[in-house]
Structure formats: C-alpha cells, structure tokens
Amino acid sequence: MSKDQRRGIVGLVAVLYGMGVAFGPSLVDNDALWKAWLGVGAFVVGALWLALMVFPWAQGRRTETP
C-alpha cells in the first residue's frame, strides 16, 4: 500500500468521524450512543493513524539509518 493510499484512508475516516462529531448532537438524542460514537470513533481514528502512518514511518527510518 502506498503512502498516499494510507494517508487517504486515515483522512477519510477522520473526516467521517469529524462530521459525526459536528452534526451528531443535532441528529441523535441518545447520550449513550453519542458517548460510544466519541469513544470508539476516536480510538479507531487513532489506531488507524498509528497503524498506517506512524508504524510504517518508524520502520522506514529504522531501515535507512546505518
């Protein structure tokens, strides 16, 4: 998977999560669902960022140094 594809995936998921954060309170009256969206969504975005952006970057740095 290329760097641009990884960036696209993380960016798209982050935008979807942000749209839910921005418009969710006006669409959903269930506080439990809203808290779950915030917690699970933040975890998913963070996990994707680590898995698709940070870990490949760190592995690339490790192989480039002599």
PDB file of N, CA and C in Angstrom:
ATOM      1  N   MET A   1       0.846  -1.167   0.000  1.00  0.00           N
ATOM      2  CA  MET A   1       0.000   0.000   0.000  1.00  0.00           C
ATOM      3  C   MET A   1       0.898   1.239   0.000  1.00  0.00           C
ATOM      4  N   SER A   2       0.587   2.181  -0.851  1.00  0.00           N
ATOM      5  CA  SER A   2       1.427   3.369  -0.974  1.00  0.00           C
ATOM      6  C   SER A   2       1.135   4.361   0.160  1.00  0.00           C
ATOM      7  N   LYS A   3       2.043   5.306   0.303  1.00  0.00           N
ATOM      8  CA  LYS A   3       1.894   6.334   1.329  1.00  0.00           C
ATOM      9  C   LYS A   3       0.628   7.164   1.091  1.00  0.00           C
ATOM     10  N   ASP A   4       0.350   7.477  -0.163  1.00  0.00           N
ATOM     11  CA  ASP A   4      -0.845   8.266  -0.476  1.00  0.00           C
ATOM     12  C   ASP A   4      -2.129   7.506  -0.156  1.00  0.00           C
ATOM     13  N   GLN A   5      -2.143   6.210  -0.384  1.00  0.00           N
ATOM     14  CA  GLN A   5      -3.318   5.410  -0.046  1.00  0.00           C
ATOM     15  C   GLN A   5      -3.533   5.381   1.462  1.00  0.00           C
ATOM     16  N   ARG A   6      -2.451   5.211   2.215  1.00  0.00           N
ATOM     17  CA  ARG A   6      -2.566   5.211   3.677  1.00  0.00           C
ATOM     18  C   ARG A   6      -3.067   6.559   4.177  1.00  0.00           C
ATOM     19  N   ARG A   7      -2.531   7.643   3.623  1.00  0.00           N
ATOM     20  CA  ARG A   7      -2.997   8.983   4.008  1.00  0.00           C
ATOM     21  C   ARG A   7      -4.473   9.161   3.682  1.00  0.00           C
ATOM     22  N   GLY A   8      -4.885   8.679   2.528  1.00  0.00           N
ATOM     23  CA  GLY A   8      -6.279   8.804   2.121  1.00  0.00           C
ATOM     24  C   GLY A   8      -7.233   8.078   3.050  1.00  0.00           C
ATOM     25  N   ILE A   9      -6.858   6.872   3.448  1.00  0.00           N
ATOM     26  CA  ILE A   9      -7.705   6.090   4.350  1.00  0.00           C
ATOM     27  C   ILE A   9      -7.845   6.792   5.691  1.00  0.00           C
ATOM     28  N   VAL A  10      -6.717   7.205   6.263  1.00  0.00           N
ATOM     29  CA  VAL A  10      -6.759   7.881   7.560  1.00  0.00           C
ATOM     30  C   VAL A  10      -7.535   9.192   7.447  1.00  0.00           C
ATOM     31  N   GLY A  11      -7.305   9.935   6.385  1.00  0.00           N
ATOM     32  CA  GLY A  11      -8.007  11.202   6.200  1.00  0.00           C
ATOM     33  C   GLY A  11      -9.504  11.028   6.041  1.00  0.00           C
ATOM     34  N   LEU A  12      -9.917  10.046   5.261  1.00  0.00           N
ATOM     35  CA  LEU A  12     -11.342   9.802   5.038  1.00  0.00           C
ATOM     36  C   LEU A  12     -12.041   9.398   6.334  1.00  0.00           C
ATOM     37  N   VAL A  13     -11.429   8.505   7.088  1.00  0.00           N
ATOM     38  CA  VAL A  13     -12.033   8.078   8.352  1.00  0.00           C
ATOM     39  C   VAL A  13     -12.084   9.250   9.335  1.00  0.00           C
ATOM     40  N   ALA A  14     -11.036  10.070   9.360  1.00  0.00           N
ATOM     41  CA  ALA A  14     -11.034  11.233  10.248  1.00  0.00           C
ATOM     42  C   ALA A  14     -12.122  12.234   9.859  1.00  0.00           C
ATOM     43  N   VAL A  15     -12.332  12.432   8.568  1.00  0.00           N
ATOM     44  CA  VAL A  15     -13.385  13.348   8.115  1.00  0.00           C
ATOM     45  C   VAL A  15     -14.762  12.804   8.487  1.00  0.00           C
ATOM     46  N   LEU A  16     -14.987  11.519   8.287  1.00  0.00           N
ATOM     47  CA  LEU A  16     -16.274  10.923   8.666  1.00  0.00           C
ATOM     48  C   LEU A  16     -16.524  11.055  10.166  1.00  0.00           C
ATOM     49  N   TYR A  17     -15.492  10.819  10.955  1.00  0.00           N
ATOM     50  CA  TYR A  17     -15.617  10.974  12.404  1.00  0.00           C
ATOM     51  C   TYR A  17     -15.903  12.434  12.756  1.00  0.00           C
ATOM     52  N   GLY A  18     -15.209  13.350  12.113  1.00  0.00           N
ATOM     53  CA  GLY A  18     -15.432  14.771  12.367  1.00  0.00           C
ATOM     54  C   GLY A  18     -16.832  15.221  11.995  1.00  0.00           C
ATOM     55  N   MET A  19     -17.357  14.700  10.895  1.00  0.00           N
ATOM     56  CA  MET A  19     -18.735  15.026  10.509  1.00  0.00           C
ATOM     57  C   MET A  19     -19.714  14.514  11.570  1.00  0.00           C
ATOM     58  N   GLY A  20     -19.445  13.341  12.094  1.00  0.00           N
ATOM     59  CA  GLY A  20     -20.293  12.817  13.161  1.00  0.00           C
ATOM     60  C   GLY A  20     -20.209  13.656  14.419  1.00  0.00           C
ATOM     61  N   VAL A  21     -19.012  14.132  14.743  1.00  0.00           N
ATOM     62  CA  VAL A  21     -18.846  14.990  15.914  1.00  0.00           C
ATOM     63  C   VAL A  21     -19.559  16.323  15.700  1.00  0.00           C
ATOM     64  N   ALA A  22     -19.460  16.868  14.491  1.00  0.00           N
ATOM     65  CA  ALA A  22     -20.057  18.173  14.217  1.00  0.00           C
ATOM     66  C   ALA A  22     -21.582  18.130  14.182  1.00  0.00           C
ATOM     67  N   PHE A  23     -22.138  17.122  13.542  1.00  0.00           N
ATOM     68  CA  PHE A  23     -23.579  17.088  13.332  1.00  0.00           C
ATOM     69  C   PHE A  23     -24.304  16.048  14.169  1.00  0.00           C
ATOM     70  N   GLY A  24     -23.585  15.203  14.868  1.00  0.00           N
ATOM     71  CA  GLY A  24     -24.205  14.137  15.644  1.00  0.00           C
ATOM     72  C   GLY A  24     -25.143  14.596  16.737  1.00  0.00           C
ATOM     73  N   PRO A  25     -24.762  15.603  17.536  1.00  0.00           N
ATOM     74  CA  PRO A  25     -25.660  16.006  18.626  1.00  0.00           C
ATOM     75  C   PRO A  25     -27.033  16.481  18.145  1.00  0.00           C
ATOM     76  N   SER A  26     -27.093  17.072  16.971  1.00  0.00           N
ATOM     77  CA  SER A  26     -28.389  17.534  16.472  1.00  0.00           C
ATOM     78  C   SER A  26     -29.201  16.401  15.841  1.00  0.00           C
ATOM     79  N   LEU A  27     -28.553  15.304  15.492  1.00  0.00           N
ATOM     80  CA  LEU A  27     -29.247  14.194  14.838  1.00  0.00           C
ATOM     81  C   LEU A  27     -29.630  13.073  15.795  1.00  0.00           C
ATOM     82  N   VAL A  28     -28.854  12.914  16.876  1.00  0.00           N
ATOM     83  CA  VAL A  28     -29.056  11.793  17.798  1.00  0.00           C
ATOM     84  C   VAL A  28     -29.341  12.344  19.190  1.00  0.00           C
ATOM     85  N   ASP A  29     -30.448  11.921  19.782  1.00  0.00           N
ATOM     86  CA  ASP A  29     -30.795  12.368  21.132  1.00  0.00           C
ATOM     87  C   ASP A  29     -30.342  11.386  22.211  1.00  0.00           C
ATOM     88  N   ASN A  30     -29.780  10.266  21.816  1.00  0.00           N
ATOM     89  CA  ASN A  30     -29.364   9.228  22.751  1.00  0.00           C
ATOM     90  C   ASN A  30     -27.951   9.531  23.247  1.00  0.00           C
ATOM     91  N   ASP A  31     -27.809   9.880  24.529  1.00  0.00           N
ATOM     92  CA  ASP A  31     -26.499  10.224  25.082  1.00  0.00           C
ATOM     93  C   ASP A  31     -25.548   9.035  25.109  1.00  0.00           C
ATOM     94  N   ALA A  32     -26.063   7.845  25.367  1.00  0.00           N
ATOM     95  CA  ALA A  32     -25.201   6.660  25.408  1.00  0.00           C
ATOM     96  C   ALA A  32     -24.603   6.381  24.033  1.00  0.00           C
ATOM     97  N   LEU A  33     -25.415   6.507  23.004  1.00  0.00           N
ATOM     98  CA  LEU A  33     -24.913   6.306  21.643  1.00  0.00           C
ATOM     99  C   LEU A  33     -23.886   7.372  21.286  1.00  0.00           C
ATOM    100  N   TRP A  34     -24.129   8.599  21.687  1.00  0.00           N
ATOM    101  CA  TRP A  34     -23.216   9.697  21.394  1.00  0.00           C
ATOM    102  C   TRP A  34     -21.864   9.481  22.080  1.00  0.00           C
ATOM    103  N   LYS A  35     -21.880   9.079  23.350  1.00  0.00           N
ATOM    104  CA  LYS A  35     -20.625   8.821  24.069  1.00  0.00           C
ATOM    105  C   LYS A  35     -19.880   7.645  23.447  1.00  0.00           C
ATOM    106  N   ALA A  36     -20.613   6.638  23.013  1.00  0.00           N
ATOM    107  CA  ALA A  36     -19.972   5.498  22.344  1.00  0.00           C
ATOM    108  C   ALA A  36     -19.345   5.938  21.026  1.00  0.00           C
ATOM    109  N   TRP A  37     -20.044   6.782  20.261  1.00  0.00           N
ATOM    110  CA  TRP A  37     -19.504   7.296  18.994  1.00  0.00           C
ATOM    111  C   TRP A  37     -18.201   8.043  19.247  1.00  0.00           C
ATOM    112  N   LEU A  38     -18.184   8.907  20.256  1.00  0.00           N
ATOM    113  CA  LEU A  38     -16.982   9.683  20.547  1.00  0.00           C
ATOM    114  C   LEU A  38     -15.820   8.779  20.951  1.00  0.00           C
ATOM    115  N   GLY A  39     -16.075   7.842  21.843  1.00  0.00           N
ATOM    116  CA  GLY A  39     -15.008   6.977  22.330  1.00  0.00           C
ATOM    117  C   GLY A  39     -14.493   6.007  21.284  1.00  0.00           C
ATOM    118  N   VAL A  40     -15.392   5.287  20.658  1.00  0.00           N
ATOM    119  CA  VAL A  40     -14.992   4.288  19.663  1.00  0.00           C
ATOM    120  C   VAL A  40     -14.410   4.966  18.428  1.00  0.00           C
ATOM    121  N   GLY A  41     -15.025   6.045  17.998  1.00  0.00           N
ATOM    122  CA  GLY A  41     -14.525   6.757  16.821  1.00  0.00           C
ATOM    123  C   GLY A  41     -13.127   7.308  17.024  1.00  0.00           C
ATOM    124  N   ALA A  42     -12.885   7.903  18.180  1.00  0.00           N
ATOM    125  CA  ALA A  42     -11.549   8.428  18.468  1.00  0.00           C
ATOM    126  C   ALA A  42     -10.524   7.301  18.511  1.00  0.00           C
ATOM    127  N   PHE A  43     -10.901   6.169  19.087  1.00  0.00           N
ATOM    128  CA  PHE A  43      -9.993   5.025  19.132  1.00  0.00           C
ATOM    129  C   PHE A  43      -9.679   4.519  17.726  1.00  0.00           C
ATOM    130  N   VAL A  44     -10.693   4.415  16.877  1.00  0.00           N
ATOM    131  CA  VAL A  44     -10.492   3.906  15.514  1.00  0.00           C
ATOM    132  C   VAL A  44      -9.592   4.844  14.718  1.00  0.00           C
ATOM    133  N   VAL A  45      -9.849   6.145  14.797  1.00  0.00           N
ATOM    134  CA  VAL A  45      -9.012   7.107  14.067  1.00  0.00           C
ATOM    135  C   VAL A  45      -7.576   7.049  14.579  1.00  0.00           C
ATOM    136  N   GLY A  46      -7.402   6.995  15.885  1.00  0.00           N
ATOM    137  CA  GLY A  46      -6.055   6.913  16.452  1.00  0.00           C
ATOM    138  C   GLY A  46      -5.338   5.624  16.088  1.00  0.00           C
ATOM    139  N   ALA A  47      -6.053   4.514  16.124  1.00  0.00           N
ATOM    140  CA  ALA A  47      -5.441   3.229  15.776  1.00  0.00           C
ATOM    141  C   ALA A  47      -5.041   3.185  14.306  1.00  0.00           C
ATOM    142  N   LEU A  48      -5.899   3.707  13.429  1.00  0.00           N
ATOM    143  CA  LEU A  48      -5.544   3.758  12.007  1.00  0.00           C
ATOM    144  C   LEU A  48      -4.344   4.659  11.773  1.00  0.00           C
ATOM    145  N   TRP A  49      -4.301   5.792  12.455  1.00  0.00           N
ATOM    146  CA  TRP A  49      -3.169   6.706  12.318  1.00  0.00           C
ATOM    147  C   TRP A  49      -1.873   6.010  12.732  1.00  0.00           C
ATOM    148  N   LEU A  50      -1.912   5.302  13.860  1.00  0.00           N
ATOM    149  CA  LEU A  50      -0.713   4.577  14.293  1.00  0.00           C
ATOM    150  C   LEU A  50      -0.334   3.479  13.306  1.00  0.00           C
ATOM    151  N   ALA A  51      -1.313   2.671  12.911  1.00  0.00           N
ATOM    152  CA  ALA A  51      -1.031   1.509  12.066  1.00  0.00           C
ATOM    153  C   ALA A  51      -0.626   1.894  10.647  1.00  0.00           C
ATOM    154  N   LEU A  52      -1.235   2.939  10.100  1.00  0.00           N
ATOM    155  CA  LEU A  52      -0.997   3.264   8.695  1.00  0.00           C
ATOM    156  C   LEU A  52      -0.021   4.412   8.477  1.00  0.00           C
ATOM    157  N   MET A  53       0.242   5.216   9.504  1.00  0.00           N
ATOM    158  CA  MET A  53       1.132   6.360   9.319  1.00  0.00           C
ATOM    159  C   MET A  53       2.402   6.264  10.172  1.00  0.00           C
ATOM    160  N   VAL A  54       2.246   6.031  11.457  1.00  0.00           N
ATOM    161  CA  VAL A  54       3.397   6.086  12.366  1.00  0.00           C
ATOM    162  C   VAL A  54       4.274   4.848  12.241  1.00  0.00           C
ATOM    163  N   PHE A  55       3.688   3.660  12.302  1.00  0.00           N
ATOM    164  CA  PHE A  55       4.499   2.446  12.242  1.00  0.00           C
ATOM    165  C   PHE A  55       5.280   2.310  10.935  1.00  0.00           C
ATOM    166  N   PRO A  56       4.665   2.547   9.766  1.00  0.00           N
ATOM    167  CA  PRO A  56       5.461   2.487   8.529  1.00  0.00           C
ATOM    168  C   PRO A  56       6.569   3.548   8.488  1.00  0.00           C
ATOM    169  N   TRP A  57       6.291   4.735   9.010  1.00  0.00           N
ATOM    170  CA  TRP A  57       7.310   5.791   9.061  1.00  0.00           C
ATOM    171  C   TRP A  57       8.475   5.362   9.957  1.00  0.00           C
ATOM    172  N   ALA A  58       8.174   4.797  11.126  1.00  0.00           N
ATOM    173  CA  ALA A  58       9.223   4.358  12.044  1.00  0.00           C
ATOM    174  C   ALA A  58      10.031   3.207  11.451  1.00  0.00           C
ATOM    175  N   GLN A  59       9.372   2.278  10.762  1.00  0.00           N
ATOM    176  CA  GLN A  59      10.094   1.176  10.133  1.00  0.00           C
ATOM    177  C   GLN A  59      10.991   1.690   9.016  1.00  0.00           C
ATOM    178  N   GLY A  60      10.522   2.673   8.272  1.00  0.00           N
ATOM    179  CA  GLY A  60      11.340   3.256   7.211  1.00  0.00           C
ATOM    180  C   GLY A  60      12.559   3.962   7.757  1.00  0.00           C
ATOM    181  N   ARG A  61      12.416   4.640   8.864  1.00  0.00           N
ATOM    182  CA  ARG A  61      13.559   5.321   9.486  1.00  0.00           C
ATOM    183  C   ARG A  61      14.576   4.315  10.002  1.00  0.00           C
ATOM    184  N   ARG A  62      14.085   3.209  10.537  1.00  0.00           N
ATOM    185  CA  ARG A  62      14.993   2.209  11.095  1.00  0.00           C
ATOM    186  C   ARG A  62      15.821   1.547   9.993  1.00  0.00           C
ATOM    187  N   THR A  63      15.234   1.311   8.839  1.00  0.00           N
ATOM    188  CA  THR A  63      15.971   0.649   7.762  1.00  0.00           C
ATOM    189  C   THR A  63      16.900   1.606   7.028  1.00  0.00           C
ATOM    190  N   GLU A  64      16.658   2.929   7.116  1.00  0.00           N
ATOM    191  CA  GLU A  64      17.502   3.895   6.416  1.00  0.00           C
ATOM    192  C   GLU A  64      18.770   4.232   7.183  1.00  0.00           C
ATOM    193  N   THR A  65      18.753   4.150   8.507  1.00  0.00           N
ATOM    194  CA  THR A  65      19.932   4.517   9.283  1.00  0.00           C
ATOM    195  C   THR A  65      20.959   3.394   9.235  1.00  0.00           C
ATOM    196  N   PRO A  66      22.239   3.744   9.098  1.00  0.00           N
ATOM    197  CA  PRO A  66      23.278   2.696   9.002  1.00  0.00           C
ATOM    198  C   PRO A  66      23.554   1.999  10.305  1.00  0.00           C
TER     199      PRO A  66
END
